[in-house]
Amino acid sequence: GTLVWAIYADLKCLNYGGNILDTAIKALCAALLDMKLPQVEIED
């Protein structure tokens, strides 16, 4: 009810040879699998 993480993902195309959607999904899923979040403590 108070604090949440917001995820932003910027994908950069380095080389375009077609079929960008399949590659983008793979890249985004790989980035999400590798994502690490810092530990947060809230003292009321």
PDB file of all heavy atoms in Angstrom:
ATOM      1  N   GLY A   1       0.778  -1.222   0.000  1.00  0.00           N
ATOM      2  CA  GLY A   1       0.000   0.000   0.000  1.00  0.00           C
ATOM      3  C   GLY A   1       0.812   1.275   0.000  1.00  0.00           C
ATOM      4  O   GLY A   1       0.265   2.370   0.013  1.00  0.00           O
ATOM      5  N   THR A   2       2.137   1.151   0.008  1.00  0.00           N
ATOM      6  CA  THR A   2       2.972   2.343   0.138  1.00  0.00           C
ATOM      7  C   THR A   2       4.073   2.435  -0.908  1.00  0.00           C
ATOM      8  O   THR A   2       4.135   3.381  -1.667  1.00  0.00           O
ATOM      9  CB  THR A   2       3.628   2.374   1.541  1.00  0.00           C
ATOM     10  OG1 THR A   2       2.616   2.162   2.523  1.00  0.00           O
ATOM     11  CG2 THR A   2       4.278   3.706   1.794  1.00  0.00           C
ATOM     12  N   LEU A   3       4.956   1.416  -0.942  1.00  0.00           N
ATOM     13  CA  LEU A   3       6.130   1.461  -1.820  1.00  0.00           C
ATOM     14  C   LEU A   3       6.209   0.220  -2.695  1.00  0.00           C
ATOM     15  O   LEU A   3       6.005  -0.899  -2.214  1.00  0.00           O
ATOM     16  CB  LEU A   3       7.422   1.529  -0.994  1.00  0.00           C
ATOM     17  CG  LEU A   3       7.670   2.786  -0.192  1.00  0.00           C
ATOM     18  CD1 LEU A   3       8.911   2.633   0.663  1.00  0.00           C
ATOM     19  CD2 LEU A   3       7.829   3.986  -1.113  1.00  0.00           C
ATOM     20  N   VAL A   4       6.513   0.436  -3.977  1.00  0.00           N
ATOM     21  CA  VAL A   4       6.730  -0.664  -4.915  1.00  0.00           C
ATOM     22  C   VAL A   4       7.916  -0.325  -5.809  1.00  0.00           C
ATOM     23  O   VAL A   4       8.263   0.827  -5.984  1.00  0.00           O
ATOM     24  CB  VAL A   4       5.487  -0.945  -5.800  1.00  0.00           C
ATOM     25  CG1 VAL A   4       4.312  -1.391  -4.976  1.00  0.00           C
ATOM     26  CG2 VAL A   4       5.144   0.256  -6.645  1.00  0.00           C
ATOM     27  N   TRP A   5       8.523  -1.372  -6.363  1.00  0.00           N
ATOM     28  CA  TRP A   5       9.565  -1.182  -7.365  1.00  0.00           C
ATOM     29  C   TRP A   5       8.901  -0.904  -8.709  1.00  0.00           C
ATOM     30  O   TRP A   5       7.858  -1.476  -9.020  1.00  0.00           O
ATOM     31  CB  TRP A   5      10.442  -2.426  -7.502  1.00  0.00           C
ATOM     32  CG  TRP A   5      11.358  -2.672  -6.353  1.00  0.00           C
ATOM     33  CD1 TRP A   5      11.233  -3.634  -5.401  1.00  0.00           C
ATOM     34  CD2 TRP A   5      12.541  -1.951  -6.032  1.00  0.00           C
ATOM     35  NE1 TRP A   5      12.259  -3.563  -4.505  1.00  0.00           N
ATOM     36  CE2 TRP A   5      13.086  -2.525  -4.875  1.00  0.00           C
ATOM     37  CE3 TRP A   5      13.196  -0.862  -6.604  1.00  0.00           C
ATOM     38  CZ2 TRP A   5      14.246  -2.054  -4.279  1.00  0.00           C
ATOM     39  CZ3 TRP A   5      14.354  -0.395  -6.012  1.00  0.00           C
ATOM     40  CH2 TRP A   5      14.870  -0.987  -4.869  1.00  0.00           C
ATOM     41  N   ALA A   6       9.504  -0.063  -9.504  1.00  0.00           N
ATOM     42  CA  ALA A   6       9.080   0.164 -10.885  1.00  0.00           C
ATOM     43  C   ALA A   6      10.209  -0.348 -11.772  1.00  0.00           C
ATOM     44  O   ALA A   6      11.378  -0.037 -11.537  1.00  0.00           O
ATOM     45  CB  ALA A   6       8.833   1.644 -11.145  1.00  0.00           C
ATOM     46  N   ILE A   7       9.868  -1.132 -12.767  1.00  0.00           N
ATOM     47  CA  ILE A   7      10.877  -1.702 -13.660  1.00  0.00           C
ATOM     48  C   ILE A   7      10.808  -0.978 -15.006  1.00  0.00           C
ATOM     49  O   ILE A   7       9.748  -0.895 -15.616  1.00  0.00           O
ATOM     50  CB  ILE A   7      10.643  -3.208 -13.886  1.00  0.00           C
ATOM     51  CG1 ILE A   7      10.711  -3.956 -12.558  1.00  0.00           C
ATOM     52  CG2 ILE A   7      11.664  -3.769 -14.872  1.00  0.00           C
ATOM     53  CD1 ILE A   7      10.328  -5.415 -12.679  1.00  0.00           C
ATOM     54  N   TYR A   8      11.936  -0.472 -15.438  1.00  0.00           N
ATOM     55  CA  TYR A   8      12.055   0.144 -16.756  1.00  0.00           C
ATOM     56  C   TYR A   8      13.104  -0.633 -17.532  1.00  0.00           C
ATOM     57  O   TYR A   8      14.182  -0.913 -17.004  1.00  0.00           O
ATOM     58  CB  TYR A   8      12.488   1.611 -16.653  1.00  0.00           C
ATOM     59  CG  TYR A   8      11.467   2.486 -15.970  1.00  0.00           C
ATOM     60  CD1 TYR A   8      11.542   2.729 -14.607  1.00  0.00           C
ATOM     61  CD2 TYR A   8      10.425   3.062 -16.696  1.00  0.00           C
ATOM     62  CE1 TYR A   8      10.597   3.525 -13.975  1.00  0.00           C
ATOM     63  CE2 TYR A   8       9.487   3.864 -16.068  1.00  0.00           C
ATOM     64  CZ  TYR A   8       9.576   4.086 -14.708  1.00  0.00           C
ATOM     65  OH  TYR A   8       8.646   4.874 -14.092  1.00  0.00           O
ATOM     66  N   ALA A   9      12.804  -0.990 -18.759  1.00  0.00           N
ATOM     67  CA  ALA A   9      13.762  -1.726 -19.590  1.00  0.00           C
ATOM     68  C   ALA A   9      13.934  -0.984 -20.908  1.00  0.00           C
ATOM     69  O   ALA A   9      12.967  -0.738 -21.620  1.00  0.00           O
ATOM     70  CB  ALA A   9      13.270  -3.141 -19.838  1.00  0.00           C
ATOM     71  N   ASP A  10      15.158  -0.606 -21.205  1.00  0.00           N
ATOM     72  CA  ASP A  10      15.487   0.019 -22.484  1.00  0.00           C
ATOM     73  C   ASP A  10      16.230  -1.004 -23.327  1.00  0.00           C
ATOM     74  O   ASP A  10      17.293  -1.481 -22.923  1.00  0.00           O
ATOM     75  CB  ASP A  10      16.373   1.254 -22.297  1.00  0.00           C
ATOM     76  CG  ASP A  10      15.628   2.404 -21.642  1.00  0.00           C
ATOM     77  OD1 ASP A  10      14.407   2.516 -21.858  1.00  0.00           O
ATOM     78  OD2 ASP A  10      16.266   3.183 -20.915  1.00  0.00           O
ATOM     79  N   LEU A  11      15.672  -1.362 -24.463  1.00  0.00           N
ATOM     80  CA  LEU A  11      16.326  -2.293 -25.375  1.00  0.00           C
ATOM     81  C   LEU A  11      16.901  -1.498 -26.534  1.00  0.00           C
ATOM     82  O   LEU A  11      16.192  -0.710 -27.156  1.00  0.00           O
ATOM     83  CB  LEU A  11      15.328  -3.334 -25.887  1.00  0.00           C
ATOM     84  CG  LEU A  11      14.683  -4.216 -24.825  1.00  0.00           C
ATOM     85  CD1 LEU A  11      13.625  -5.117 -25.448  1.00  0.00           C
ATOM     86  CD2 LEU A  11      15.725  -5.056 -24.117  1.00  0.00           C
ATOM     87  N   LYS A  12      18.158  -1.711 -26.812  1.00  0.00           N
ATOM     88  CA  LYS A  12      18.832  -1.032 -27.915  1.00  0.00           C
ATOM     89  C   LYS A  12      19.139  -2.045 -29.006  1.00  0.00           C
ATOM     90  O   LYS A  12      19.740  -3.080 -28.750  1.00  0.00           O
ATOM     91  CB  LYS A  12      20.157  -0.403 -27.446  1.00  0.00           C
ATOM     92  CG  LYS A  12      20.010   0.568 -26.318  1.00  0.00           C
ATOM     93  CD  LYS A  12      19.776   1.940 -26.827  1.00  0.00           C
ATOM     94  CE  LYS A  12      19.778   2.888 -25.638  1.00  0.00           C
ATOM     95  NZ  LYS A  12      19.198   4.134 -25.931  1.00  0.00           N
ATOM     96  N   CYS A  13      18.747  -1.741 -30.204  1.00  0.00           N
ATOM     97  CA  CYS A  13      19.018  -2.603 -31.348  1.00  0.00           C
ATOM     98  C   CYS A  13      20.421  -2.283 -31.868  1.00  0.00           C
ATOM     99  O   CYS A  13      20.691  -1.154 -32.273  1.00  0.00           O
ATOM    100  CB  CYS A  13      17.966  -2.348 -32.430  1.00  0.00           C
ATOM    101  SG  CYS A  13      18.199  -3.341 -33.898  1.00  0.00           S
ATOM    102  N   LEU A  14      21.307  -3.259 -31.836  1.00  0.00           N
ATOM    103  CA  LEU A  14      22.675  -3.048 -32.311  1.00  0.00           C
ATOM    104  C   LEU A  14      22.824  -3.376 -33.788  1.00  0.00           C
ATOM    105  O   LEU A  14      23.682  -2.824 -34.471  1.00  0.00           O
ATOM    106  CB  LEU A  14      23.654  -3.901 -31.499  1.00  0.00           C
ATOM    107  CG  LEU A  14      23.677  -3.621 -30.001  1.00  0.00           C
ATOM    108  CD1 LEU A  14      24.626  -4.583 -29.298  1.00  0.00           C
ATOM    109  CD2 LEU A  14      24.060  -2.184 -29.735  1.00  0.00           C
ATOM    110  N   ASN A  15      21.995  -4.298 -34.266  1.00  0.00           N
ATOM    111  CA  ASN A  15      22.062  -4.697 -35.664  1.00  0.00           C
ATOM    112  C   ASN A  15      20.689  -5.206 -36.063  1.00  0.00           C
ATOM    113  O   ASN A  15      20.139  -6.075 -35.402  1.00  0.00           O
ATOM    114  CB  ASN A  15      23.116  -5.795 -35.844  1.00  0.00           C
ATOM    115  CG  ASN A  15      23.307  -6.171 -37.290  1.00  0.00           C
ATOM    116  OD1 ASN A  15      22.700  -5.593 -38.196  1.00  0.00           O
ATOM    117  ND2 ASN A  15      24.148  -7.151 -37.539  1.00  0.00           N
ATOM    118  N   TYR A  16      20.143  -4.671 -37.134  1.00  0.00           N
ATOM    119  CA  TYR A  16      18.813  -5.070 -37.553  1.00  0.00           C
ATOM    120  C   TYR A  16      18.896  -5.893 -38.823  1.00  0.00           C
ATOM    121  O   TYR A  16      19.280  -5.402 -39.872  1.00  0.00           O
ATOM    122  CB  TYR A  16      17.925  -3.847 -37.783  1.00  0.00           C
ATOM    123  CG  TYR A  16      16.528  -4.215 -38.212  1.00  0.00           C
ATOM    124  CD1 TYR A  16      15.627  -4.748 -37.301  1.00  0.00           C
ATOM    125  CD2 TYR A  16      16.120  -4.060 -39.527  1.00  0.00           C
ATOM    126  CE1 TYR A  16      14.357  -5.096 -37.680  1.00  0.00           C
ATOM    127  CE2 TYR A  16      14.849  -4.411 -39.926  1.00  0.00           C
ATOM    128  CZ  TYR A  16      13.966  -4.923 -38.998  1.00  0.00           C
ATOM    129  OH  TYR A  16      12.706  -5.282 -39.372  1.00  0.00           O
ATOM    130  N   GLY A  17      18.531  -7.169 -38.684  1.00  0.00           N
ATOM    131  CA  GLY A  17      18.509  -8.046 -39.837  1.00  0.00           C
ATOM    132  C   GLY A  17      17.144  -8.670 -40.021  1.00  0.00           C
ATOM    133  O   GLY A  17      16.995  -9.654 -40.729  1.00  0.00           O
ATOM    134  N   GLY A  18      16.132  -8.084 -39.351  1.00  0.00           N
ATOM    135  CA  GLY A  18      14.793  -8.645 -39.402  1.00  0.00           C
ATOM    136  C   GLY A  18      14.455  -9.374 -38.127  1.00  0.00           C
ATOM    137  O   GLY A  18      15.314  -9.623 -37.282  1.00  0.00           O
ATOM    138  N   ASN A  19      13.153  -9.691 -37.979  1.00  0.00           N
ATOM    139  CA  ASN A  19      12.660 -10.487 -36.870  1.00  0.00           C
ATOM    140  C   ASN A  19      13.063  -9.916 -35.508  1.00  0.00           C
ATOM    141  O   ASN A  19      13.582 -10.618 -34.658  1.00  0.00           O
ATOM    142  CB  ASN A  19      13.145 -11.925 -37.026  1.00  0.00           C
ATOM    143  CG  ASN A  19      12.362 -12.873 -36.161  1.00  0.00           C
ATOM    144  OD1 ASN A  19      11.412 -12.494 -35.509  1.00  0.00           O
ATOM    145  ND2 ASN A  19      12.773 -14.119 -36.155  1.00  0.00           N
ATOM    146  N   ILE A  20      12.799  -8.651 -35.306  1.00  0.00           N
ATOM    147  CA  ILE A  20      13.223  -7.964 -34.083  1.00  0.00           C
ATOM    148  C   ILE A  20      12.424  -8.394 -32.851  1.00  0.00           C
ATOM    149  O   ILE A  20      12.939  -8.390 -31.740  1.00  0.00           O
ATOM    150  CB  ILE A  20      13.159  -6.428 -34.285  1.00  0.00           C
ATOM    151  CG1 ILE A  20      13.941  -5.702 -33.197  1.00  0.00           C
ATOM    152  CG2 ILE A  20      11.738  -5.935 -34.324  1.00  0.00           C
ATOM    153  CD1 ILE A  20      15.403  -5.817 -33.340  1.00  0.00           C
ATOM    154  N   LEU A  21      11.168  -8.789 -33.017  1.00  0.00           N
ATOM    155  CA  LEU A  21      10.325  -9.100 -31.860  1.00  0.00           C
ATOM    156  C   LEU A  21      10.819 -10.319 -31.086  1.00  0.00           C
ATOM    157  O   LEU A  21      10.864 -10.295 -29.852  1.00  0.00           O
ATOM    158  CB  LEU A  21       8.876  -9.299 -32.298  1.00  0.00           C
ATOM    159  CG  LEU A  21       8.189  -8.063 -32.885  1.00  0.00           C
ATOM    160  CD1 LEU A  21       6.785  -8.402 -33.349  1.00  0.00           C
ATOM    161  CD2 LEU A  21       8.192  -6.916 -31.909  1.00  0.00           C
ATOM    162  N   ASP A  22      11.195 -11.378 -31.794  1.00  0.00           N
ATOM    163  CA  ASP A  22      11.688 -12.583 -31.113  1.00  0.00           C
ATOM    164  C   ASP A  22      12.950 -12.272 -30.309  1.00  0.00           C
ATOM    165  O   ASP A  22      13.106 -12.696 -29.161  1.00  0.00           O
ATOM    166  CB  ASP A  22      11.984 -13.698 -32.113  1.00  0.00           C
ATOM    167  CG  ASP A  22      10.742 -14.189 -32.842  1.00  0.00           C
ATOM    168  OD1 ASP A  22       9.626 -13.837 -32.418  1.00  0.00           O
ATOM    169  OD2 ASP A  22      10.898 -14.918 -33.832  1.00  0.00           O
ATOM    170  N   THR A  23      13.836 -11.523 -30.915  1.00  0.00           N
ATOM    171  CA  THR A  23      15.088 -11.161 -30.257  1.00  0.00           C
ATOM    172  C   THR A  23      14.831 -10.276 -29.047  1.00  0.00           C
ATOM    173  O   THR A  23      15.446 -10.452 -27.998  1.00  0.00           O
ATOM    174  CB  THR A  23      16.017 -10.434 -31.248  1.00  0.00           C
ATOM    175  OG1 THR A  23      16.183 -11.252 -32.395  1.00  0.00           O
ATOM    176  CG2 THR A  23      17.355 -10.130 -30.633  1.00  0.00           C
ATOM    177  N   ALA A  24      13.906  -9.329 -29.185  1.00  0.00           N
ATOM    178  CA  ALA A  24      13.595  -8.413 -28.084  1.00  0.00           C
ATOM    179  C   ALA A  24      12.997  -9.156 -26.896  1.00  0.00           C
ATOM    180  O   ALA A  24      13.336  -8.863 -25.742  1.00  0.00           O
ATOM    181  CB  ALA A  24      12.657  -7.315 -28.572  1.00  0.00           C
ATOM    182  N   ILE A  25      12.129 -10.118 -27.150  1.00  0.00           N
ATOM    183  CA  ILE A  25      11.541 -10.901 -26.054  1.00  0.00           C
ATOM    184  C   ILE A  25      12.631 -11.689 -25.328  1.00  0.00           C
ATOM    185  O   ILE A  25      12.684 -11.719 -24.101  1.00  0.00           O
ATOM    186  CB  ILE A  25      10.439 -11.846 -26.568  1.00  0.00           C
ATOM    187  CG1 ILE A  25       9.215 -11.037 -26.987  1.00  0.00           C
ATOM    188  CG2 ILE A  25      10.058 -12.884 -25.517  1.00  0.00           C
ATOM    189  CD1 ILE A  25       8.150 -11.833 -27.685  1.00  0.00           C
ATOM    190  N   LYS A  26      13.530 -12.308 -26.091  1.00  0.00           N
ATOM    191  CA  LYS A  26      14.623 -13.069 -25.468  1.00  0.00           C
ATOM    192  C   LYS A  26      15.520 -12.154 -24.635  1.00  0.00           C
ATOM    193  O   LYS A  26      15.910 -12.501 -23.519  1.00  0.00           O
ATOM    194  CB  LYS A  26      15.444 -13.780 -26.538  1.00  0.00           C
ATOM    195  CG  LYS A  26      14.720 -14.959 -27.155  1.00  0.00           C
ATOM    196  CD  LYS A  26      15.561 -15.622 -28.236  1.00  0.00           C
ATOM    197  CE  LYS A  26      14.808 -16.781 -28.819  1.00  0.00           C
ATOM    198  NZ  LYS A  26      14.454 -16.621 -30.202  1.00  0.00           N
ATOM    199  N   ALA A  27      15.846 -10.981 -25.174  1.00  0.00           N
ATOM    200  CA  ALA A  27      16.717 -10.036 -24.462  1.00  0.00           C
ATOM    201  C   ALA A  27      16.044  -9.528 -23.188  1.00  0.00           C
ATOM    202  O   ALA A  27      16.673  -9.443 -22.131  1.00  0.00           O
ATOM    203  CB  ALA A  27      17.083  -8.873 -25.372  1.00  0.00           C
ATOM    204  N   LEU A  28      14.764  -9.195 -23.272  1.00  0.00           N
ATOM    205  CA  LEU A  28      14.044  -8.687 -22.111  1.00  0.00           C
ATOM    206  C   LEU A  28      13.933  -9.753 -21.020  1.00  0.00           C
ATOM    207  O   LEU A  28      14.175  -9.478 -19.846  1.00  0.00           O
ATOM    208  CB  LEU A  28      12.658  -8.195 -22.521  1.00  0.00           C
ATOM    209  CG  LEU A  28      11.794  -7.597 -21.421  1.00  0.00           C
ATOM    210  CD1 LEU A  28      12.499  -6.438 -20.733  1.00  0.00           C
ATOM    211  CD2 LEU A  28      10.465  -7.143 -21.996  1.00  0.00           C
ATOM    212  N   CYS A  29      13.607 -10.979 -21.391  1.00  0.00           N
ATOM    213  CA  CYS A  29      13.511 -12.065 -20.406  1.00  0.00           C
ATOM    214  C   CYS A  29      14.875 -12.354 -19.778  1.00  0.00           C
ATOM    215  O   CYS A  29      14.969 -12.585 -18.564  1.00  0.00           O
ATOM    216  CB  CYS A  29      12.928 -13.321 -21.041  1.00  0.00           C
ATOM    217  SG  CYS A  29      11.166 -13.165 -21.401  1.00  0.00           S
ATOM    218  N   ALA A  30      15.935 -12.310 -20.568  1.00  0.00           N
ATOM    219  CA  ALA A  30      17.281 -12.530 -20.023  1.00  0.00           C
ATOM    220  C   ALA A  30      17.639 -11.431 -19.024  1.00  0.00           C
ATOM    221  O   ALA A  30      18.213 -11.701 -17.961  1.00  0.00           O
ATOM    222  CB  ALA A  30      18.311 -12.579 -21.146  1.00  0.00           C
ATOM    223  N   ALA A  31      17.288 -10.189 -19.344  1.00  0.00           N
ATOM    224  CA  ALA A  31      17.566  -9.076 -18.434  1.00  0.00           C
ATOM    225  C   ALA A  31      16.776  -9.231 -17.135  1.00  0.00           C
ATOM    226  O   ALA A  31      17.311  -9.006 -16.043  1.00  0.00           O
ATOM    227  CB  ALA A  31      17.228  -7.750 -19.108  1.00  0.00           C
ATOM    228  N   LEU A  32      15.514  -9.624 -17.240  1.00  0.00           N
ATOM    229  CA  LEU A  32      14.695  -9.808 -16.040  1.00  0.00           C
ATOM    230  C   LEU A  32      15.225 -10.958 -15.171  1.00  0.00           C
ATOM    231  O   LEU A  32      15.230 -10.869 -13.945  1.00  0.00           O
ATOM    232  CB  LEU A  32      13.240 -10.068 -16.418  1.00  0.00           C
ATOM    233  CG  LEU A  32      12.478  -8.873 -16.983  1.00  0.00           C
ATOM    234  CD1 LEU A  32      11.121  -9.315 -17.527  1.00  0.00           C
ATOM    235  CD2 LEU A  32      12.323  -7.786 -15.945  1.00  0.00           C
ATOM    236  N   LEU A  33      15.690 -12.035 -15.817  1.00  0.00           N
ATOM    237  CA  LEU A  33      16.250 -13.158 -15.065  1.00  0.00           C
ATOM    238  C   LEU A  33      17.534 -12.773 -14.337  1.00  0.00           C
ATOM    239  O   LEU A  33      17.860 -13.328 -13.290  1.00  0.00           O
ATOM    240  CB  LEU A  33      16.517 -14.341 -15.996  1.00  0.00           C
ATOM    241  CG  LEU A  33      15.299 -15.120 -16.442  1.00  0.00           C
ATOM    242  CD1 LEU A  33      15.642 -16.050 -17.597  1.00  0.00           C
ATOM    243  CD2 LEU A  33      14.708 -15.910 -15.281  1.00  0.00           C
ATOM    244  N   ASP A  34      18.268 -11.810 -14.893  1.00  0.00           N
ATOM    245  CA  ASP A  34      19.540 -11.390 -14.322  1.00  0.00           C
ATOM    246  C   ASP A  34      19.388 -10.228 -13.327  1.00  0.00           C
ATOM    247  O   ASP A  34      20.333  -9.866 -12.645  1.00  0.00           O
ATOM    248  CB  ASP A  34      20.498 -10.987 -15.443  1.00  0.00           C
ATOM    249  CG  ASP A  34      21.918 -10.840 -14.969  1.00  0.00           C
ATOM    250  OD1 ASP A  34      22.412 -11.756 -14.289  1.00  0.00           O
ATOM    251  OD2 ASP A  34      22.529  -9.787 -15.253  1.00  0.00           O
ATOM    252  N   MET A  35      18.193  -9.660 -13.235  1.00  0.00           N
ATOM    253  CA  MET A  35      17.970  -8.474 -12.416  1.00  0.00           C
ATOM    254  C   MET A  35      18.139  -8.772 -10.935  1.00  0.00           C
ATOM    255  O   MET A  35      17.660  -9.779 -10.427  1.00  0.00           O
ATOM    256  CB  MET A  35      16.558  -7.935 -12.683  1.00  0.00           C
ATOM    257  CG  MET A  35      16.243  -6.666 -11.922  1.00  0.00           C
ATOM    258  SD  MET A  35      14.689  -5.919 -12.406  1.00  0.00           S
ATOM    259  CE  MET A  35      13.510  -7.150 -11.911  1.00  0.00           C
ATOM    260  N   LYS A  36      18.842  -7.854 -10.248  1.00  0.00           N
ATOM    261  CA  LYS A  36      19.026  -7.947  -8.805  1.00  0.00           C
ATOM    262  C   LYS A  36      18.534  -6.637  -8.184  1.00  0.00           C
ATOM    263  O   LYS A  36      18.778  -5.572  -8.721  1.00  0.00           O
ATOM    264  CB  LYS A  36      20.484  -8.177  -8.456  1.00  0.00           C
ATOM    265  CG  LYS A  36      21.008  -9.511  -8.926  1.00  0.00           C
ATOM    266  CD  LYS A  36      22.436  -9.698  -8.502  1.00  0.00           C
ATOM    267  CE  LYS A  36      23.075 -10.973  -8.961  1.00  0.00           C
ATOM    268  NZ  LYS A  36      22.371 -11.913  -9.696  1.00  0.00           N
ATOM    269  N   LEU A  37      17.825  -6.753  -7.069  1.00  0.00           N
ATOM    270  CA  LEU A  37      17.299  -5.578  -6.379  1.00  0.00           C
ATOM    271  C   LEU A  37      17.996  -5.426  -5.037  1.00  0.00           C
ATOM    272  O   LEU A  37      18.287  -6.423  -4.367  1.00  0.00           O
ATOM    273  CB  LEU A  37      15.792  -5.721  -6.160  1.00  0.00           C
ATOM    274  CG  LEU A  37      14.939  -5.791  -7.421  1.00  0.00           C
ATOM    275  CD1 LEU A  37      13.491  -6.075  -7.070  1.00  0.00           C
ATOM    276  CD2 LEU A  37      15.048  -4.497  -8.205  1.00  0.00           C
ATOM    277  N   PRO A  38      18.267  -4.191  -4.619  1.00  0.00           N
ATOM    278  CA  PRO A  38      18.890  -3.994  -3.306  1.00  0.00           C
ATOM    279  C   PRO A  38      17.910  -4.289  -2.170  1.00  0.00           C
ATOM    280  O   PRO A  38      16.693  -4.174  -2.344  1.00  0.00           O
ATOM    281  CB  PRO A  38      19.293  -2.516  -3.322  1.00  0.00           C
ATOM    282  CG  PRO A  38      18.411  -1.888  -4.318  1.00  0.00           C
ATOM    283  CD  PRO A  38      18.073  -2.944  -5.334  1.00  0.00           C
ATOM    284  N   GLN A  39      18.451  -4.668  -1.053  1.00  0.00           N
ATOM    285  CA  GLN A  39      17.636  -4.928   0.139  1.00  0.00           C
ATOM    286  C   GLN A  39      17.146  -3.593   0.688  1.00  0.00           C
ATOM    287  O   GLN A  39      17.914  -2.651   0.824  1.00  0.00           O
ATOM    288  CB  GLN A  39      18.480  -5.665   1.189  1.00  0.00           C
ATOM    289  CG  GLN A  39      17.696  -6.196   2.345  1.00  0.00           C
ATOM    290  CD  GLN A  39      16.736  -7.301   1.924  1.00  0.00           C
ATOM    291  OE1 GLN A  39      17.069  -8.128   1.080  1.00  0.00           O
ATOM    292  NE2 GLN A  39      15.558  -7.293   2.485  1.00  0.00           N
ATOM    293  N   VAL A  40      15.852  -3.507   0.996  1.00  0.00           N
ATOM    294  CA  VAL A  40      15.255  -2.278   1.525  1.00  0.00           C
ATOM    295  C   VAL A  40      14.588  -2.584   2.850  1.00  0.00           C
ATOM    296  O   VAL A  40      13.861  -3.566   2.984  1.00  0.00           O
ATOM    297  CB  VAL A  40      14.207  -1.696   0.535  1.00  0.00           C
ATOM    298  CG1 VAL A  40      13.551  -0.463   1.116  1.00  0.00           C
ATOM    299  CG2 VAL A  40      14.841  -1.389  -0.799  1.00  0.00           C
ATOM    300  N   GLU A  41      14.866  -1.733   3.832  1.00  0.00           N
ATOM    301  CA  GLU A  41      14.220  -1.836   5.136  1.00  0.00           C
ATOM    302  C   GLU A  41      13.535  -0.520   5.431  1.00  0.00           C
ATOM    303  O   GLU A  41      14.087   0.551   5.188  1.00  0.00           O
ATOM    304  CB  GLU A  41      15.254  -2.094   6.241  1.00  0.00           C
ATOM    305  CG  GLU A  41      15.515  -3.542   6.510  1.00  0.00           C
ATOM    306  CD  GLU A  41      16.431  -3.712   7.703  1.00  0.00           C
ATOM    307  OE1 GLU A  41      16.153  -3.124   8.771  1.00  0.00           O
ATOM    308  OE2 GLU A  41      17.422  -4.420   7.544  1.00  0.00           O
ATOM    309  N   ILE A  42      12.318  -0.607   5.954  1.00  0.00           N
ATOM    310  CA  ILE A  42      11.589   0.589   6.329  1.00  0.00           C
ATOM    311  C   ILE A  42      11.298   0.508   7.811  1.00  0.00           C
ATOM    312  O   ILE A  42      10.676  -0.445   8.288  1.00  0.00           O
ATOM    313  CB  ILE A  42      10.278   0.721   5.525  1.00  0.00           C
ATOM    314  CG1 ILE A  42      10.604   0.819   4.050  1.00  0.00           C
ATOM    315  CG2 ILE A  42       9.494   1.924   5.997  1.00  0.00           C
ATOM    316  CD1 ILE A  42       9.396   0.793   3.155  1.00  0.00           C
ATOM    317  N   GLU A  43      11.791   1.499   8.520  1.00  0.00           N
ATOM    318  CA  GLU A  43      11.567   1.540   9.957  1.00  0.00           C
ATOM    319  C   GLU A  43      10.432   2.535  10.198  1.00  0.00           C
ATOM    320  O   GLU A  43      10.583   3.739   9.966  1.00  0.00           O
ATOM    321  CB  GLU A  43      12.841   1.996  10.669  1.00  0.00           C
ATOM    322  CG  GLU A  43      12.741   1.957  12.164  1.00  0.00           C
ATOM    323  CD  GLU A  43      14.048   2.376  12.803  1.00  0.00           C
ATOM    324  OE1 GLU A  43      15.084   1.770  12.478  1.00  0.00           O
ATOM    325  OE2 GLU A  43      14.018   3.317  13.607  1.00  0.00           O
ATOM    326  N   ASP A  44       9.302   2.025  10.641  1.00  0.00           N
ATOM    327  CA  ASP A  44       8.154   2.892  10.898  1.00  0.00           C
ATOM    328  C   ASP A  44       8.407   3.741  12.130  1.00  0.00           C
ATOM    329  O   ASP A  44       8.845   3.249  13.168  1.00  0.00           O
ATOM    330  CB  ASP A  44       6.890   2.059  11.129  1.00  0.00           C
ATOM    331  CG  ASP A  44       6.398   1.378   9.869  1.00  0.00           C
ATOM    332  OD1 ASP A  44       6.633   1.928   8.777  1.00  0.00           O
ATOM    333  OD2 ASP A  44       5.790   0.299   9.976  1.00  0.00           O
TER     334      ASP A  44
END
